[in-house]
Amino acid sequence: MYNHILVPVAPDQIDECAESLEAAHRLLAKGGKVSVLSVLEELPSYVGSYFPKEQIKNSISEFENTLKTKLSTDDIDTHVISGHPTNSILEWAKKKKIDCIVVSSHRPGFSDLLLGSTAARIVRHANCSVVVQR
């Protein structure tokens, strides 16, 4: 059983994360907590220059409210950050001393064979246990 479990959720997959949350709760030790993390990708500098400086902060705030409305309960904390999805998830997990990551995966396609999916990169580089929910 794990004391602190991270469930990364892609911004467009909020409604499809129920199975990952169920798996996290089955693995959770009594008194443990589940954190849901969503990473909004940063805009490239050549695109970001066309948006107001506070656009990222506003987007994060709006999305945090959406996550809290849909997922936050007494035993689930929600967090939204910006950055590269894989790197941000791994850094956040290390910083928060996560002992298990429950990540969803899809059927790999051709592009995944060349680049690797976020789930595959998390499995390869995480410093804690990883459960892949398919």
C-alpha atoms as a PDB file:
ATOM      1  CA  MET A   1       0.000   0.000   0.000  1.00  0.00           C
ATOM      2  CA  TYR A   2       1.119   3.519  -0.794  1.00  0.00           C
ATOM      3  CA  ASN A   3       0.867   6.708   1.253  1.00  0.00           C
ATOM      4  CA  HIS A   4       0.888   9.296  -1.530  1.00  0.00           C
ATOM      5  CA  ILE A   5      -0.275   8.385  -5.030  1.00  0.00           C
ATOM      6  CA  LEU A   6      -0.102  10.660  -8.046  1.00  0.00           C
ATOM      7  CA  VAL A   7      -2.643  10.376 -10.869  1.00  0.00           C
ATOM      8  CA  PRO A   8      -1.553  12.541 -13.813  1.00  0.00           C
ATOM      9  CA  VAL A   9      -4.504  13.593 -15.972  1.00  0.00           C
ATOM     10  CA  ALA A  10      -4.228  15.169 -19.409  1.00  0.00           C
ATOM     11  CA  PRO A  11      -6.348  18.319 -19.679  1.00  0.00           C
ATOM     12  CA  ASP A  12      -8.557  16.724 -22.323  1.00  0.00           C
ATOM     13  CA  GLN A  13      -8.991  13.476 -20.362  1.00  0.00           C
ATOM     14  CA  ILE A  14     -10.614  14.678 -17.123  1.00  0.00           C
ATOM     15  CA  ASP A  15     -13.823  12.762 -17.757  1.00  0.00           C
ATOM     16  CA  GLU A  16     -11.925   9.527 -18.556  1.00  0.00           C
ATOM     17  CA  CYS A  17      -9.787   9.271 -15.403  1.00  0.00           C
ATOM     18  CA  ALA A  18     -12.272   7.376 -13.202  1.00  0.00           C
ATOM     19  CA  GLU A  19     -10.521   4.009 -13.666  1.00  0.00           C
ATOM     20  CA  SER A  20      -7.143   5.467 -12.716  1.00  0.00           C
ATOM     21  CA  LEU A  21      -8.640   7.068  -9.614  1.00  0.00           C
ATOM     22  CA  GLU A  22     -10.294   3.758  -8.653  1.00  0.00           C
ATOM     23  CA  ALA A  23      -6.956   1.948  -9.067  1.00  0.00           C
ATOM     24  CA  ALA A  24      -5.246   4.612  -6.952  1.00  0.00           C
ATOM     25  CA  HIS A  25      -7.813   4.202  -4.172  1.00  0.00           C
ATOM     26  CA  ARG A  26      -7.338   0.407  -4.195  1.00  0.00           C
ATOM     27  CA  LEU A  27      -3.574   0.897  -3.748  1.00  0.00           C
ATOM     28  CA  LEU A  28      -3.877   3.626  -1.133  1.00  0.00           C
ATOM     29  CA  ALA A  29      -2.848   2.934   2.461  1.00  0.00           C
ATOM     30  CA  LYS A  30      -5.211   3.953   5.226  1.00  0.00           C
ATOM     31  CA  GLY A  31      -4.699   7.646   5.882  1.00  0.00           C
ATOM     32  CA  GLY A  32      -2.932   8.144   2.542  1.00  0.00           C
ATOM     33  CA  LYS A  33      -3.768  10.699  -0.088  1.00  0.00           C
ATOM     34  CA  VAL A  34      -4.235  10.874  -3.845  1.00  0.00           C
ATOM     35  CA  SER A  35      -3.031  13.863  -5.840  1.00  0.00           C
ATOM     36  CA  VAL A  36      -4.340  14.576  -9.333  1.00  0.00           C
ATOM     37  CA  LEU A  37      -1.911  16.585 -11.447  1.00  0.00           C
ATOM     38  CA  SER A  38      -2.606  18.133 -14.815  1.00  0.00           C
ATOM     39  CA  VAL A  39       0.099  19.800 -16.876  1.00  0.00           C
ATOM     40  CA  LEU A  40      -0.747  22.561 -19.323  1.00  0.00           C
ATOM     41  CA  GLU A  41       1.931  22.714 -21.979  1.00  0.00           C
ATOM     42  CA  GLU A  42       3.733  26.012 -22.246  1.00  0.00           C
ATOM     43  CA  LEU A  43       3.309  27.999 -25.418  1.00  0.00           C
ATOM     44  CA  PRO A  44       6.389  28.310 -27.626  1.00  0.00           C
ATOM     45  CA  SER A  45       7.918  31.781 -27.320  1.00  0.00           C
ATOM     46  CA  TYR A  46       7.050  32.693 -30.898  1.00  0.00           C
ATOM     47  CA  VAL A  47       3.362  31.994 -30.146  1.00  0.00           C
ATOM     48  CA  GLY A  48       3.349  33.282 -26.578  1.00  0.00           C
ATOM     49  CA  SER A  49       4.341  36.760 -27.703  1.00  0.00           C
ATOM     50  CA  TYR A  50       0.858  37.144 -29.229  1.00  0.00           C
ATOM     51  CA  PHE A  51      -0.901  36.525 -25.898  1.00  0.00           C
ATOM     52  CA  PRO A  52      -1.059  38.664 -22.756  1.00  0.00           C
ATOM     53  CA  LYS A  53       1.675  37.886 -20.196  1.00  0.00           C
ATOM     54  CA  GLU A  54      -0.866  36.621 -17.666  1.00  0.00           C
ATOM     55  CA  GLN A  55      -2.473  34.160 -20.130  1.00  0.00           C
ATOM     56  CA  ILE A  56      -0.726  31.090 -18.649  1.00  0.00           C
ATOM     57  CA  LYS A  57      -1.662  32.108 -15.077  1.00  0.00           C
ATOM     58  CA  ASN A  58      -5.271  32.687 -16.112  1.00  0.00           C
ATOM     59  CA  SER A  59      -5.424  29.345 -17.944  1.00  0.00           C
ATOM     60  CA  ILE A  60      -3.981  27.518 -14.926  1.00  0.00           C
ATOM     61  CA  SER A  61      -6.444  29.206 -12.575  1.00  0.00           C
ATOM     62  CA  GLU A  62      -9.444  28.396 -14.793  1.00  0.00           C
ATOM     63  CA  PHE A  63      -8.363  24.794 -15.221  1.00  0.00           C
ATOM     64  CA  GLU A  64      -7.718  24.388 -11.468  1.00  0.00           C
ATOM     65  CA  ASN A  65     -11.307  25.453 -10.847  1.00  0.00           C
ATOM     66  CA  THR A  66     -12.541  22.915 -13.408  1.00  0.00           C
ATOM     67  CA  LEU A  67     -10.480  20.114 -11.824  1.00  0.00           C
ATOM     68  CA  LYS A  68     -11.621  20.978  -8.311  1.00  0.00           C
ATOM     69  CA  THR A  69     -15.245  21.029  -9.405  1.00  0.00           C
ATOM     70  CA  LYS A  70     -15.033  17.651 -11.130  1.00  0.00           C
ATOM     71  CA  LEU A  71     -12.541  15.688  -9.008  1.00  0.00           C
ATOM     72  CA  SER A  72     -11.687  17.237  -5.667  1.00  0.00           C
ATOM     73  CA  THR A  73     -12.913  15.352  -2.605  1.00  0.00           C
ATOM     74  CA  ASP A  74     -11.659  14.918   0.956  1.00  0.00           C
ATOM     75  CA  ASP A  75      -9.056  12.381  -0.133  1.00  0.00           C
ATOM     76  CA  ILE A  76      -8.114  13.853  -3.545  1.00  0.00           C
ATOM     77  CA  ASP A  77      -6.020  16.987  -4.002  1.00  0.00           C
ATOM     78  CA  THR A  78      -5.940  18.635  -7.416  1.00  0.00           C
ATOM     79  CA  HIS A  79      -3.016  20.556  -8.904  1.00  0.00           C
ATOM     80  CA  VAL A  80      -2.347  22.279 -12.240  1.00  0.00           C
ATOM     81  CA  ILE A  81       1.076  23.367 -13.450  1.00  0.00           C
ATOM     82  CA  SER A  82       2.591  24.372 -16.775  1.00  0.00           C
ATOM     83  CA  GLY A  83       5.527  22.799 -18.544  1.00  0.00           C
ATOM     84  CA  HIS A  84       6.518  19.716 -20.512  1.00  0.00           C
ATOM     85  CA  PRO A  85       4.151  16.906 -19.422  1.00  0.00           C
ATOM     86  CA  THR A  86       6.622  14.099 -18.712  1.00  0.00           C
ATOM     87  CA  ASN A  87       9.343  16.237 -17.143  1.00  0.00           C
ATOM     88  CA  SER A  88       6.859  18.215 -15.057  1.00  0.00           C
ATOM     89  CA  ILE A  89       5.133  15.075 -13.767  1.00  0.00           C
ATOM     90  CA  LEU A  90       8.437  13.432 -12.806  1.00  0.00           C
ATOM     91  CA  GLU A  91       9.798  16.581 -11.128  1.00  0.00           C
ATOM     92  CA  TRP A  92       6.546  17.146  -9.236  1.00  0.00           C
ATOM     93  CA  ALA A  93       6.470  13.518  -8.071  1.00  0.00           C
ATOM     94  CA  LYS A  94      10.038  13.737  -6.807  1.00  0.00           C
ATOM     95  CA  LYS A  95       9.445  17.073  -5.064  1.00  0.00           C
ATOM     96  CA  LYS A  96       6.259  15.845  -3.338  1.00  0.00           C
ATOM     97  CA  LYS A  97       7.798  12.452  -2.405  1.00  0.00           C
ATOM     98  CA  ILE A  98       5.198  10.440  -4.327  1.00  0.00           C
ATOM     99  CA  ASP A  99       5.561   6.698  -3.763  1.00  0.00           C
ATOM    100  CA  CYS A 100       3.356   5.540  -6.664  1.00  0.00           C
ATOM    101  CA  ILE A 101       2.165   7.024  -9.960  1.00  0.00           C
ATOM    102  CA  VAL A 102      -0.998   5.644 -11.575  1.00  0.00           C
ATOM    103  CA  VAL A 103      -0.900   6.695 -15.208  1.00  0.00           C
ATOM    104  CA  SER A 104      -3.330   5.973 -18.031  1.00  0.00           C
ATOM    105  CA  SER A 105      -2.121   4.697 -21.354  1.00  0.00           C
ATOM    106  CA  HIS A 106      -3.651   4.219 -24.762  1.00  0.00           C
ATOM    107  CA  ARG A 107      -2.923   1.650 -27.429  1.00  0.00           C
ATOM    108  CA  PRO A 108       0.412   2.683 -28.929  1.00  0.00           C
ATOM    109  CA  GLY A 109       0.347   3.980 -32.463  1.00  0.00           C
ATOM    110  CA  PHE A 110       3.128   4.440 -34.976  1.00  0.00           C
ATOM    111  CA  SER A 111       4.167   7.830 -33.582  1.00  0.00           C
ATOM    112  CA  ASP A 112       4.498   6.281 -30.109  1.00  0.00           C
ATOM    113  CA  LEU A 113       6.987   3.776 -31.476  1.00  0.00           C
ATOM    114  CA  LEU A 114       9.172   6.647 -32.623  1.00  0.00           C
ATOM    115  CA  LEU A 115       8.651   9.156 -29.821  1.00  0.00           C
ATOM    116  CA  GLY A 116       7.229   7.161 -26.924  1.00  0.00           C
ATOM    117  CA  SER A 117       4.088   8.062 -25.033  1.00  0.00           C
ATOM    118  CA  THR A 118       4.050  10.089 -21.835  1.00  0.00           C
ATOM    119  CA  ALA A 119       3.174   6.935 -19.896  1.00  0.00           C
ATOM    120  CA  ALA A 120       6.151   5.058 -21.381  1.00  0.00           C
ATOM    121  CA  ARG A 121       8.551   7.870 -20.484  1.00  0.00           C
ATOM    122  CA  ILE A 122       7.162   8.005 -16.935  1.00  0.00           C
ATOM    123  CA  VAL A 123       7.644   4.247 -16.554  1.00  0.00           C
ATOM    124  CA  ARG A 124      11.251   4.496 -17.746  1.00  0.00           C
ATOM    125  CA  HIS A 125      12.286   7.503 -15.650  1.00  0.00           C
ATOM    126  CA  ALA A 126      10.198   7.548 -12.444  1.00  0.00           C
ATOM    127  CA  ASN A 127      11.954   7.112  -9.102  1.00  0.00           C
ATOM    128  CA  CYS A 128       8.917   5.377  -7.614  1.00  0.00           C
ATOM    129  CA  SER A 129       6.479   2.595  -8.469  1.00  0.00           C
ATOM    130  CA  VAL A 130       4.351   3.145 -11.568  1.00  0.00           C
ATOM    131  CA  VAL A 131       1.039   1.454 -12.354  1.00  0.00           C
ATOM    132  CA  VAL A 132      -0.111   1.743 -15.969  1.00  0.00           C
ATOM    133  CA  GLN A 133      -3.875   1.721 -16.382  1.00  0.00           C
ATOM    134  CA  ARG A 134      -4.985   0.662 -19.829  1.00  0.00           C
END
